[in-house]
Amino acid sequence: MKRIPESEAISEMADARRFNEFMGSNRFRQQEYHELAQRVAAMGVPDGGKVLDVGTGTGFVAIAVAKVLRERGVQVVGLDLSPAMLSLAAENAQRAGLNGAVTWREGNAYAMPFADGEFDVVISNDSLHHWEDPVQIFNEIARVVKPEGAYFIHDSRRLEHWWPRLFAWGIGLTIPPDFRVHYWGSIRSSYTPEELEALVARSRLSGWRVEAGFMEVAVVRRNVYV
């Protein structure tokens, strides 16, 4: 499957609200967010630390992380370019009773509005395939994460063989038709593990490895003291 870049993520409020309602009611995606949060918690987040979620969208992953780590005083920050998405993220956080544990910032991932080494962990989920210049954003992640910190950049994987494509086709049938085009667009615009390794190797990220799953891929570094 040849890579076909996808346009920027949802920005209109009506589309964002429909996306939010669908993802929020999809028990499989909610389980995925919880599992991602558990992985982040195991990466060496210190008590009272800070976690950044790049491309947070409507905040489901940031909220899941905050739920898992709130007893340890961890502050989660969700960054996104879309005011519509962030407005819904704030509603979702309030509904979850997490107003004090997660905050939202509007900003561009190519020039993040944060200090050098501000975060203990930087995460991103389902955003990488939207990035026009992934290397520049990898460099920004390298800048805002602490030298000993961790990162977890997770995304869908472009499907090269028929059996994961068949599985993806089955998943697609559960998605509303007007969102289905975005689902396949995300898969087509995602990277293979080899492509991702080549991109990360050009960046200032260090100590990384690429982890490849059946339909997913991630760039990972744990806290060096864990």
Protein backbone atom coordinates (compact mmCIF):
# COMPACT_ATOMS: atom_id res chain seq x y z
CA MET A 1 0.00 0.00 0.00
CA LYS A 2 1.53 3.29 -1.13
CA ARG A 3 1.53 6.10 1.43
CA ILE A 4 -1.02 8.83 0.65
CA PRO A 5 -0.67 11.86 2.98
CA GLU A 6 -3.84 12.89 4.80
CA SER A 7 -4.99 16.45 5.31
CA GLU A 8 -5.00 18.06 8.74
CA ALA A 9 -7.26 16.69 11.43
CA ILE A 10 -10.88 17.76 12.12
CA SER A 11 -11.22 21.48 12.90
CA GLU A 12 -14.93 22.38 12.54
CA MET A 13 -16.96 22.18 15.76
CA ALA A 14 -19.84 20.18 14.26
CA ASP A 15 -17.45 17.54 12.90
CA ALA A 16 -15.41 17.57 16.11
CA ARG A 17 -18.53 17.03 18.22
CA ARG A 18 -19.66 14.05 16.11
CA PHE A 19 -16.15 12.60 16.28
CA ASN A 20 -16.13 13.10 20.05
CA GLU A 21 -19.50 11.40 20.48
CA PHE A 22 -18.49 8.42 18.38
CA MET A 23 -15.09 7.90 20.01
CA GLY A 24 -16.48 8.49 23.48
CA SER A 25 -19.18 5.85 23.03
CA ASN A 26 -16.93 3.27 21.34
CA ARG A 27 -15.99 0.80 24.08
CA PHE A 28 -13.13 -0.66 22.04
CA ARG A 29 -11.47 2.74 21.65
CA GLN A 30 -12.04 3.55 25.32
CA GLN A 31 -10.35 0.27 26.24
CA GLU A 32 -7.46 1.17 23.92
CA TYR A 33 -7.08 4.56 25.66
CA HIS A 34 -7.00 2.86 29.05
CA GLU A 35 -4.35 0.40 27.89
CA LEU A 36 -2.25 3.22 26.46
CA ALA A 37 -2.53 5.06 29.78
CA GLN A 38 -1.32 1.97 31.62
CA ARG A 39 1.68 1.79 29.29
CA VAL A 40 2.48 5.44 29.92
CA ALA A 41 2.23 4.93 33.69
CA ALA A 42 4.81 2.14 33.44
CA MET A 43 7.31 4.35 31.59
CA GLY A 44 8.71 6.04 34.68
CA VAL A 45 6.46 9.03 35.43
CA PRO A 46 7.68 10.42 38.79
CA ASP A 47 5.29 11.50 41.53
CA GLY A 48 4.29 15.12 40.91
CA GLY A 49 5.64 14.95 37.35
CA LYS A 50 4.31 16.39 34.10
CA VAL A 51 3.04 14.57 31.02
CA LEU A 52 2.43 16.22 27.64
CA ASP A 53 -0.02 14.80 25.09
CA VAL A 54 0.78 16.17 21.62
CA GLY A 55 -2.20 16.32 19.26
CA THR A 56 -4.58 15.57 22.11
CA GLY A 57 -7.76 16.06 20.06
CA THR A 58 -10.78 15.72 22.32
CA GLY A 59 -8.51 14.59 25.14
CA PHE A 60 -9.43 10.94 25.61
CA VAL A 61 -5.83 9.70 26.03
CA ALA A 62 -4.81 12.64 28.24
CA ILE A 63 -7.86 12.02 30.43
CA ALA A 64 -7.12 8.28 30.65
CA VAL A 65 -3.54 9.05 31.71
CA ALA A 66 -4.74 11.59 34.30
CA LYS A 67 -7.15 9.03 35.76
CA VAL A 68 -4.38 6.44 36.14
CA LEU A 69 -1.86 8.88 37.66
CA ARG A 70 -3.99 11.38 39.62
CA GLU A 71 -3.25 9.75 43.00
CA ARG A 72 0.45 10.50 42.38
CA GLY A 73 -0.04 14.20 41.76
CA VAL A 74 0.91 14.05 38.08
CA GLN A 75 -0.13 16.98 35.90
CA VAL A 76 -1.21 16.17 32.33
CA VAL A 77 -1.20 18.83 29.58
CA GLY A 78 -3.02 18.32 26.27
CA LEU A 79 -1.74 20.31 23.27
CA ASP A 80 -3.73 20.76 20.08
CA LEU A 81 -4.03 23.18 17.18
CA SER A 82 -7.85 23.02 17.07
CA PRO A 83 -9.90 25.21 19.47
CA ALA A 84 -12.95 23.04 18.68
CA MET A 85 -11.19 19.88 19.81
CA LEU A 86 -9.83 21.54 22.96
CA SER A 87 -13.27 22.87 23.89
CA LEU A 88 -14.63 19.32 23.77
CA ALA A 89 -11.58 18.02 25.65
CA ALA A 90 -12.35 20.44 28.48
CA GLU A 91 -15.96 19.23 28.56
CA ASN A 92 -14.79 15.61 28.68
CA ALA A 93 -12.37 16.35 31.52
CA GLN A 94 -15.05 18.15 33.52
CA ARG A 95 -17.42 15.24 32.99
CA ALA A 96 -14.70 12.89 34.27
CA GLY A 97 -14.08 15.06 37.35
CA LEU A 98 -10.49 15.79 36.33
CA ASN A 99 -10.42 19.58 36.08
CA GLY A 100 -7.40 19.90 38.39
CA ALA A 101 -5.37 17.05 36.94
CA VAL A 102 -5.40 17.92 33.23
CA THR A 103 -5.09 21.25 31.42
CA TRP A 104 -5.36 22.21 27.76
CA ARG A 105 -3.14 24.41 25.60
CA GLU A 106 -3.78 25.62 22.08
CA GLY A 107 -0.58 25.57 20.11
CA ASN A 108 1.44 24.31 17.19
CA ALA A 109 3.45 21.13 17.64
CA TYR A 110 6.12 22.57 15.30
CA ALA A 111 6.84 25.28 17.91
CA MET A 112 5.48 24.08 21.23
CA PRO A 113 4.74 26.80 23.82
CA PHE A 114 6.77 25.10 26.53
CA ALA A 115 10.21 25.44 28.10
CA ASP A 116 13.12 23.14 27.37
CA GLY A 117 12.97 19.98 29.47
CA GLU A 118 9.58 20.84 30.97
CA PHE A 119 8.03 17.35 30.78
CA ASP A 120 8.88 14.00 32.29
CA VAL A 121 6.97 12.13 29.59
CA VAL A 122 5.70 13.18 26.15
CA ILE A 123 3.04 11.10 24.43
CA SER A 124 1.12 11.28 21.17
CA ASN A 125 -1.61 9.01 19.83
CA ASP A 126 -3.06 8.84 16.31
CA SER A 127 -1.50 12.17 15.35
CA LEU A 128 1.79 11.28 13.65
CA HIS A 129 0.24 10.53 10.26
CA HIS A 130 -1.12 14.10 10.11
CA TRP A 131 2.30 15.71 10.60
CA GLU A 132 3.64 17.29 7.42
CA ASP A 133 7.18 17.33 8.83
CA PRO A 134 7.50 14.61 11.50
CA VAL A 135 11.21 15.23 12.03
CA GLN A 136 10.57 18.82 13.14
CA ILE A 137 7.99 17.66 15.68
CA PHE A 138 10.31 14.88 16.87
CA ASN A 139 12.91 17.61 17.46
CA GLU A 140 10.39 19.62 19.48
CA ILE A 141 9.60 16.54 21.57
CA ALA A 142 13.33 16.10 22.16
CA ARG A 143 13.48 19.72 23.32
CA VAL A 144 10.56 19.75 25.78
CA VAL A 145 11.19 16.32 27.36
CA LYS A 146 13.71 16.08 30.20
CA PRO A 147 17.08 14.55 29.26
CA GLU A 148 16.23 11.47 31.32
CA GLY A 149 12.55 11.53 30.36
CA ALA A 150 10.39 9.20 28.31
CA TYR A 151 8.25 9.44 25.20
CA PHE A 152 5.65 7.29 23.49
CA ILE A 153 4.60 8.30 19.97
CA HIS A 154 1.89 5.87 18.90
CA ASP A 155 0.00 5.67 15.63
CA SER A 156 -1.69 3.34 13.19
CA ARG A 157 0.55 1.34 10.86
CA ARG A 158 0.22 1.31 7.09
CA LEU A 159 -0.92 -2.20 6.21
CA GLU A 160 1.34 -4.06 3.80
CA HIS A 161 -0.28 -7.51 3.84
CA TRP A 162 -3.76 -8.79 3.12
CA TRP A 163 -4.58 -10.25 6.57
CA PRO A 164 -4.32 -6.98 8.55
CA ARG A 165 -6.14 -5.24 5.70
CA LEU A 166 -8.96 -7.76 6.03
CA PHE A 167 -9.08 -7.17 9.78
CA ALA A 168 -9.12 -3.39 9.20
CA TRP A 169 -11.95 -3.81 6.70
CA GLY A 170 -14.01 -5.54 9.41
CA ILE A 171 -13.33 -2.71 11.85
CA GLY A 172 -14.30 -0.20 9.18
CA LEU A 173 -17.77 -1.72 8.95
CA THR A 174 -18.40 -0.66 12.58
CA ILE A 175 -17.60 2.99 11.79
CA PRO A 176 -20.25 5.43 10.49
CA PRO A 177 -19.91 5.75 6.69
CA ASP A 178 -18.94 9.43 6.73
CA PHE A 179 -16.12 8.71 9.21
CA ARG A 180 -15.01 5.58 7.39
CA VAL A 181 -13.18 7.63 4.79
CA HIS A 182 -11.11 9.23 7.59
CA TYR A 183 -10.36 5.80 9.05
CA TRP A 184 -8.95 4.49 5.76
CA GLY A 185 -7.25 7.82 5.12
CA SER A 186 -5.43 7.47 8.44
CA ILE A 187 -4.22 3.97 7.57
CA ARG A 188 -3.06 4.98 4.08
CA SER A 189 -1.17 8.01 5.45
CA SER A 190 0.54 6.09 8.27
CA TYR A 191 4.11 4.84 8.17
CA THR A 192 5.65 1.39 8.00
CA PRO A 193 8.11 0.54 10.81
CA GLU A 194 11.02 0.92 8.38
CA GLU A 195 9.85 4.34 7.21
CA LEU A 196 9.38 5.48 10.79
CA GLU A 197 12.86 4.32 11.81
CA ALA A 198 14.35 6.32 8.94
CA LEU A 199 12.47 9.45 10.02
CA VAL A 200 13.39 9.20 13.71
CA ALA A 201 17.04 8.59 12.81
CA ARG A 202 17.10 12.06 11.21
CA SER A 203 15.80 13.73 14.40
CA ARG A 204 17.33 14.75 17.73
CA LEU A 205 15.48 12.06 19.65
CA SER A 206 17.85 9.69 21.44
CA GLY A 207 17.64 6.27 23.05
CA TRP A 208 14.58 5.35 20.98
CA ARG A 209 13.27 2.14 19.52
CA VAL A 210 10.42 1.48 17.11
CA GLU A 211 7.85 -1.06 18.28
CA ALA A 212 5.61 -2.61 15.61
CA GLY A 213 2.31 -4.37 16.24
CA PHE A 214 -0.26 -5.99 14.00
CA MET A 215 -1.91 -2.67 13.08
CA GLU A 216 0.11 -0.15 15.07
CA VAL A 217 3.57 1.32 15.39
CA ALA A 218 5.25 3.42 18.09
CA VAL A 219 8.47 5.28 18.87
CA VAL A 220 9.34 4.56 22.49
CA ARG A 221 11.87 5.57 25.13
CA ARG A 222 11.41 4.79 28.80
CA ASN A 223 12.70 7.01 31.62
CA VAL A 224 16.42 6.20 31.80
CA TYR A 225 16.21 5.72 35.60
CA VAL A 226 13.52 3.03 35.40
